[in-house]
Amino acid sequence: MKIAVASPPYPKSIADGLQWIAKLAKDAANQQATVVCFPETYLPGYPGFGAEKATPENMQAALDKVCAIAAENSICIIIPMDWFKDDELLNVAWVVSKTGEPLGYQTKNQLDPSEDNIWTAGTERSLFEADGLKFGITICHEGFRYPESVRWAARNGAQVVFHPHFTGSDTEGVQLSEWGNKHSPYYEKAMMMRAMENTIYFASVGYATEYQEAASCIIAPDEVCLDYQPYGEVGVAVAEIDLDKATGLLAKRFKPELV
């Protein structure tokens, strides 16, 4: 089985974002990927960088378009986006089946302190399935700094945890060149730990920014980076995974009663 992570540019508009989703989902499908994941709140774009304003109407219309893209390419799509529920704005990742059916969404439950005035934190965790692949989702800050979110998924049978995030910018920073370099920000080291400490695959995905602080990559249960999308380059990274290796062994040996 193959899985993919897509690194698009920051969307100029919702329509622009949908065009990139269509292109990169097709690229992933052409490489026989079962599922492709996009970065955090790709629709309408992470706030503070010129994103188009989200409304209940344009977010629903955007989700409908993503469903059509999934069905057209016969690929499961994880699309992070703003979502409205009971007059509250949530940071979510919708899962759409390869037939275009919305399967539900995972909320961002652990917000970064800077996000407290943007979104309402979610309160539930979910597992999803695509062609026999069981997976969970943890969004940005909670996957980097709250490993419990990944351990919950692994202890409940997830073979992969997808991790849409946003790091870096197009305006300032350091241009990275080597994945996992000891002088790079801690993000890629955290990704390695999430895979190794749970004995599962960890697939982290961010925007292709000029000063990207972490690459979109797929990491095996033994901490090996199977593939990554080069920093600042738009495209998809695709890796073949062996589900027999995603045992969740270390996660299942956790003794919560001792905490």
Protein backbone atom coordinates (compact mmCIF):
# COMPACT_ATOMS: atom_id res chain seq x y z
CA MET A 1 0.00 0.00 0.00
CA LYS A 2 1.16 3.53 -0.77
CA ILE A 3 0.33 6.74 1.06
CA ALA A 4 1.08 10.33 0.05
CA VAL A 5 1.64 13.75 1.60
CA ALA A 6 1.06 16.83 -0.55
CA SER A 7 3.02 20.09 -0.22
CA PRO A 8 1.14 22.87 -2.03
CA PRO A 9 1.93 26.59 -1.99
CA TYR A 10 -0.05 28.89 0.27
CA PRO A 11 -3.42 29.37 -1.50
CA LYS A 12 -4.09 32.76 -3.08
CA SER A 13 -7.81 32.07 -2.66
CA ILE A 14 -10.13 29.14 -1.98
CA ALA A 15 -10.44 28.60 -5.73
CA ASP A 16 -6.65 28.56 -6.07
CA GLY A 17 -6.39 26.07 -3.21
CA LEU A 18 -8.90 23.78 -4.88
CA GLN A 19 -6.88 23.86 -8.10
CA TRP A 20 -3.78 22.73 -6.22
CA ILE A 21 -5.76 20.00 -4.45
CA ALA A 22 -6.99 18.71 -7.80
CA LYS A 23 -3.49 18.69 -9.29
CA LEU A 24 -1.68 17.10 -6.36
CA ALA A 25 -4.42 14.55 -5.67
CA LYS A 26 -4.14 13.47 -9.29
CA ASP A 27 -0.35 13.24 -8.99
CA ALA A 28 -0.72 11.04 -5.89
CA ALA A 29 -3.34 8.85 -7.54
CA ASN A 30 -1.12 8.39 -10.60
CA GLN A 31 1.50 6.98 -8.24
CA GLN A 32 -1.09 4.50 -6.84
CA ALA A 33 -1.42 6.15 -3.44
CA THR A 34 -4.43 5.03 -1.42
CA VAL A 35 -4.70 8.27 0.54
CA VAL A 36 -3.21 11.75 0.26
CA CYS A 37 -3.08 14.33 3.07
CA PHE A 38 -2.87 18.13 2.72
CA PRO A 39 -1.53 20.75 5.21
CA GLU A 40 -3.28 22.33 8.18
CA THR A 41 -6.31 24.51 7.32
CA TYR A 42 -5.36 24.48 3.65
CA LEU A 43 -8.85 25.78 2.95
CA PRO A 44 -8.99 28.73 3.14
CA GLY A 45 -5.32 28.89 4.33
CA TYR A 46 -3.69 29.24 7.73
CA PRO A 47 -4.76 32.61 9.22
CA GLY A 48 -2.47 35.60 9.24
CA PHE A 49 -0.98 35.06 5.79
CA GLY A 50 -3.70 36.60 3.62
CA ALA A 51 -6.23 33.79 3.62
CA GLU A 52 -9.66 34.38 2.12
CA LYS A 53 -12.33 34.70 4.81
CA ALA A 54 -14.09 31.43 5.59
CA THR A 55 -17.87 31.25 5.80
CA PRO A 56 -20.15 28.25 6.38
CA GLU A 57 -21.25 28.50 2.77
CA ASN A 58 -17.86 28.66 1.05
CA MET A 59 -16.40 25.94 3.28
CA GLN A 60 -19.28 23.58 2.47
CA ALA A 61 -18.92 24.36 -1.23
CA ALA A 62 -15.18 23.71 -1.00
CA LEU A 63 -15.73 20.37 0.73
CA ASP A 64 -18.21 19.39 -1.99
CA LYS A 65 -15.54 20.14 -4.60
CA VAL A 66 -12.96 18.06 -2.74
CA CYS A 67 -15.44 15.17 -2.69
CA ALA A 68 -15.72 15.43 -6.47
CA ILE A 69 -11.91 15.50 -6.83
CA ALA A 70 -11.59 12.37 -4.67
CA ALA A 71 -14.17 10.49 -6.70
CA GLU A 72 -12.67 11.62 -10.01
CA ASN A 73 -9.23 10.32 -9.02
CA SER A 74 -10.40 7.37 -6.89
CA ILE A 75 -8.24 8.42 -3.95
CA CYS A 76 -9.00 9.11 -0.30
CA ILE A 77 -8.27 12.75 0.55
CA ILE A 78 -7.56 14.24 3.98
CA ILE A 79 -8.36 17.93 3.63
CA PRO A 80 -7.74 20.20 6.63
CA MET A 81 -9.97 23.27 6.69
CA ASP A 82 -11.91 25.75 8.74
CA TRP A 83 -15.31 24.39 9.73
CA PHE A 84 -18.34 25.91 11.42
CA LYS A 85 -20.43 24.06 13.99
CA ASP A 86 -23.00 25.61 16.33
CA ASP A 87 -21.66 29.11 15.57
CA GLU A 88 -18.14 28.07 16.53
CA LEU A 89 -15.14 27.97 14.21
CA LEU A 90 -13.16 24.71 14.36
CA ASN A 91 -9.81 23.68 12.92
CA VAL A 92 -10.55 20.27 11.38
CA ALA A 93 -9.28 17.69 8.92
CA TRP A 94 -12.06 16.17 6.83
CA VAL A 95 -11.60 12.64 5.46
CA VAL A 96 -13.19 11.97 2.07
CA SER A 97 -13.35 8.42 0.68
CA LYS A 98 -12.15 7.46 -2.81
CA THR A 99 -15.79 7.44 -3.90
CA GLY A 100 -16.28 11.02 -2.75
CA GLU A 101 -18.11 10.30 0.50
CA PRO A 102 -17.29 12.47 3.53
CA LEU A 103 -16.34 10.06 6.32
CA GLY A 104 -16.12 12.64 9.11
CA TYR A 105 -13.46 14.91 10.52
CA GLN A 106 -10.88 15.18 13.26
CA THR A 107 -10.81 18.42 15.25
CA LYS A 108 -7.70 20.13 16.54
CA ASN A 109 -8.10 19.57 20.26
CA GLN A 110 -4.87 21.11 21.55
CA LEU A 111 -4.59 24.65 20.22
CA ASP A 112 -1.37 26.61 20.22
CA PRO A 113 -1.72 29.51 22.71
CA SER A 114 -1.60 31.94 19.77
CA GLU A 115 -4.71 30.26 18.32
CA ASP A 116 -7.02 30.64 21.32
CA ASN A 117 -8.75 33.63 19.74
CA ILE A 118 -9.04 32.02 16.31
CA TRP A 119 -10.62 28.60 16.79
CA THR A 120 -12.59 26.69 19.38
CA ALA A 121 -10.72 23.59 20.54
CA GLY A 122 -12.30 20.24 19.75
CA THR A 123 -12.98 17.59 22.36
CA GLU A 124 -13.07 14.21 20.58
CA ARG A 125 -10.70 11.88 18.75
CA SER A 126 -11.59 9.56 15.86
CA LEU A 127 -10.16 6.78 13.72
CA PHE A 128 -10.76 6.37 10.00
CA GLU A 129 -10.32 3.59 7.45
CA ALA A 130 -9.47 3.51 3.73
CA ASP A 131 -9.01 0.24 1.84
CA GLY A 132 -8.13 -1.59 5.06
CA LEU A 133 -5.76 1.11 6.29
CA LYS A 134 -6.66 2.33 9.79
CA PHE A 135 -5.43 5.82 10.56
CA GLY A 136 -5.74 8.70 12.94
CA ILE A 137 -5.07 12.42 12.55
CA THR A 138 -3.34 14.89 14.85
CA ILE A 139 -3.05 18.53 13.83
CA CYS A 140 0.17 20.58 14.07
CA HIS A 141 0.83 21.78 17.66
CA GLU A 142 -0.90 18.78 19.26
CA GLY A 143 1.20 16.29 17.30
CA PHE A 144 4.44 18.15 17.99
CA ARG A 145 3.89 18.86 21.69
CA TYR A 146 1.12 16.51 22.85
CA PRO A 147 2.29 12.98 21.97
CA GLU A 148 -0.74 11.60 23.82
CA SER A 149 -2.81 12.45 20.74
CA VAL A 150 -0.77 10.05 18.61
CA ARG A 151 -0.58 7.39 21.31
CA TRP A 152 -4.38 7.36 21.58
CA ALA A 153 -4.67 6.55 17.88
CA ALA A 154 -1.97 3.86 18.03
CA ARG A 155 -3.50 2.21 21.09
CA ASN A 156 -6.82 2.09 19.29
CA GLY A 157 -5.49 0.36 16.20
CA ALA A 158 -4.17 3.11 13.92
CA GLN A 159 -1.39 1.95 11.60
CA VAL A 160 -0.66 5.48 10.41
CA VAL A 161 -1.18 8.88 11.99
CA PHE A 162 -1.38 11.79 9.56
CA HIS A 163 -0.12 15.13 10.83
CA PRO A 164 -1.13 18.23 8.85
CA HIS A 165 0.80 21.24 10.07
CA PHE A 166 2.02 24.75 9.23
CA THR A 167 5.62 25.83 9.86
CA GLY A 168 7.74 28.55 8.33
CA SER A 169 6.77 31.41 6.01
CA ASP A 170 7.44 32.97 2.62
CA THR A 171 8.92 36.15 4.10
CA GLU A 172 11.70 35.32 6.52
CA GLY A 173 13.68 32.49 8.05
CA VAL A 174 16.43 30.00 7.23
CA GLN A 175 16.33 27.80 4.16
CA LEU A 176 16.85 24.18 5.19
CA SER A 177 18.57 21.66 2.93
CA GLU A 178 19.04 18.42 4.91
CA TRP A 179 16.19 16.46 6.46
CA GLY A 180 16.69 15.86 10.19
CA ASN A 181 19.79 18.07 10.47
CA LYS A 182 20.83 18.60 14.09
CA HIS A 183 20.77 22.37 13.62
CA SER A 184 17.25 22.44 12.17
CA PRO A 185 14.16 23.19 14.30
CA TYR A 186 12.98 20.30 16.46
CA TYR A 187 9.93 19.48 14.34
CA GLU A 188 11.38 16.62 12.28
CA LYS A 189 12.89 15.03 15.39
CA ALA A 190 9.43 15.08 16.99
CA MET A 191 8.01 13.38 13.89
CA MET A 192 10.58 10.59 14.23
CA MET A 193 9.66 10.09 17.87
CA ARG A 194 5.93 9.90 17.18
CA ALA A 195 6.58 6.99 14.80
CA MET A 196 9.16 5.17 16.91
CA GLU A 197 7.55 5.54 20.33
CA ASN A 198 4.28 4.07 19.00
CA THR A 199 5.61 1.56 16.43
CA ILE A 200 3.46 3.04 13.65
CA TYR A 201 3.92 5.12 10.51
CA PHE A 202 3.79 8.90 10.93
CA ALA A 203 3.01 11.07 7.91
CA SER A 204 3.53 14.78 8.47
CA VAL A 205 2.59 17.39 5.86
CA GLY A 206 3.05 21.14 5.54
CA TYR A 207 2.98 24.00 3.03
CA ALA A 208 5.79 24.46 0.48
CA THR A 209 7.00 27.81 1.82
CA GLU A 210 10.26 29.54 0.92
CA TYR A 211 11.47 29.27 4.52
CA GLN A 212 9.96 25.91 5.41
CA GLU A 213 10.87 24.68 8.91
CA ALA A 214 9.88 21.03 8.42
CA ALA A 215 9.51 18.86 5.35
CA SER A 216 6.43 16.88 4.41
CA CYS A 217 7.55 13.32 5.04
CA ILE A 218 6.56 9.73 5.76
CA ILE A 219 8.37 7.99 8.61
CA ALA A 220 8.42 4.25 9.30
CA PRO A 221 7.95 2.59 12.72
CA ASP A 222 11.74 2.17 12.97
CA GLU A 223 12.19 5.99 12.60
CA VAL A 224 13.49 5.77 9.00
CA CYS A 225 12.29 8.59 6.75
CA LEU A 226 10.89 6.72 3.74
CA ASP A 227 10.36 9.79 1.59
CA TYR A 228 10.05 13.56 1.89
CA GLN A 229 9.19 16.46 -0.36
CA PRO A 230 12.18 18.83 -0.76
CA TYR A 231 11.89 22.10 1.15
CA GLY A 232 10.04 24.82 -0.71
CA GLU A 233 9.15 22.59 -3.66
CA VAL A 234 5.52 21.97 -4.56
CA GLY A 235 4.70 18.28 -5.03
CA VAL A 236 3.80 15.01 -3.37
CA ALA A 237 5.93 12.52 -1.47
CA VAL A 238 4.73 8.94 -1.85
CA ALA A 239 5.94 5.91 0.09
CA GLU A 240 5.04 2.24 0.13
CA ILE A 241 4.25 1.04 3.63
CA ASP A 242 4.16 -2.45 5.13
CA LEU A 243 1.16 -2.68 7.43
CA ASP A 244 2.62 -5.73 9.16
CA LYS A 245 5.32 -3.45 10.59
CA ALA A 246 2.76 -1.04 12.05
CA THR A 247 2.15 -3.19 15.11
CA GLY A 248 1.57 -0.42 17.65
CA LEU A 249 3.66 -2.57 20.00
CA LEU A 250 5.19 0.16 22.13
CA ALA A 251 1.95 2.11 22.32
CA LYS A 252 0.04 -0.95 23.47
CA ARG A 253 2.62 -1.66 26.20
CA PHE A 254 1.92 1.75 27.75
CA LYS A 255 0.53 1.45 31.30
CA PRO A 256 -1.84 4.38 31.80
CA GLU A 257 -2.63 3.32 35.34
CA LEU A 258 0.92 4.28 36.36
CA VAL A 259 0.66 7.88 35.16
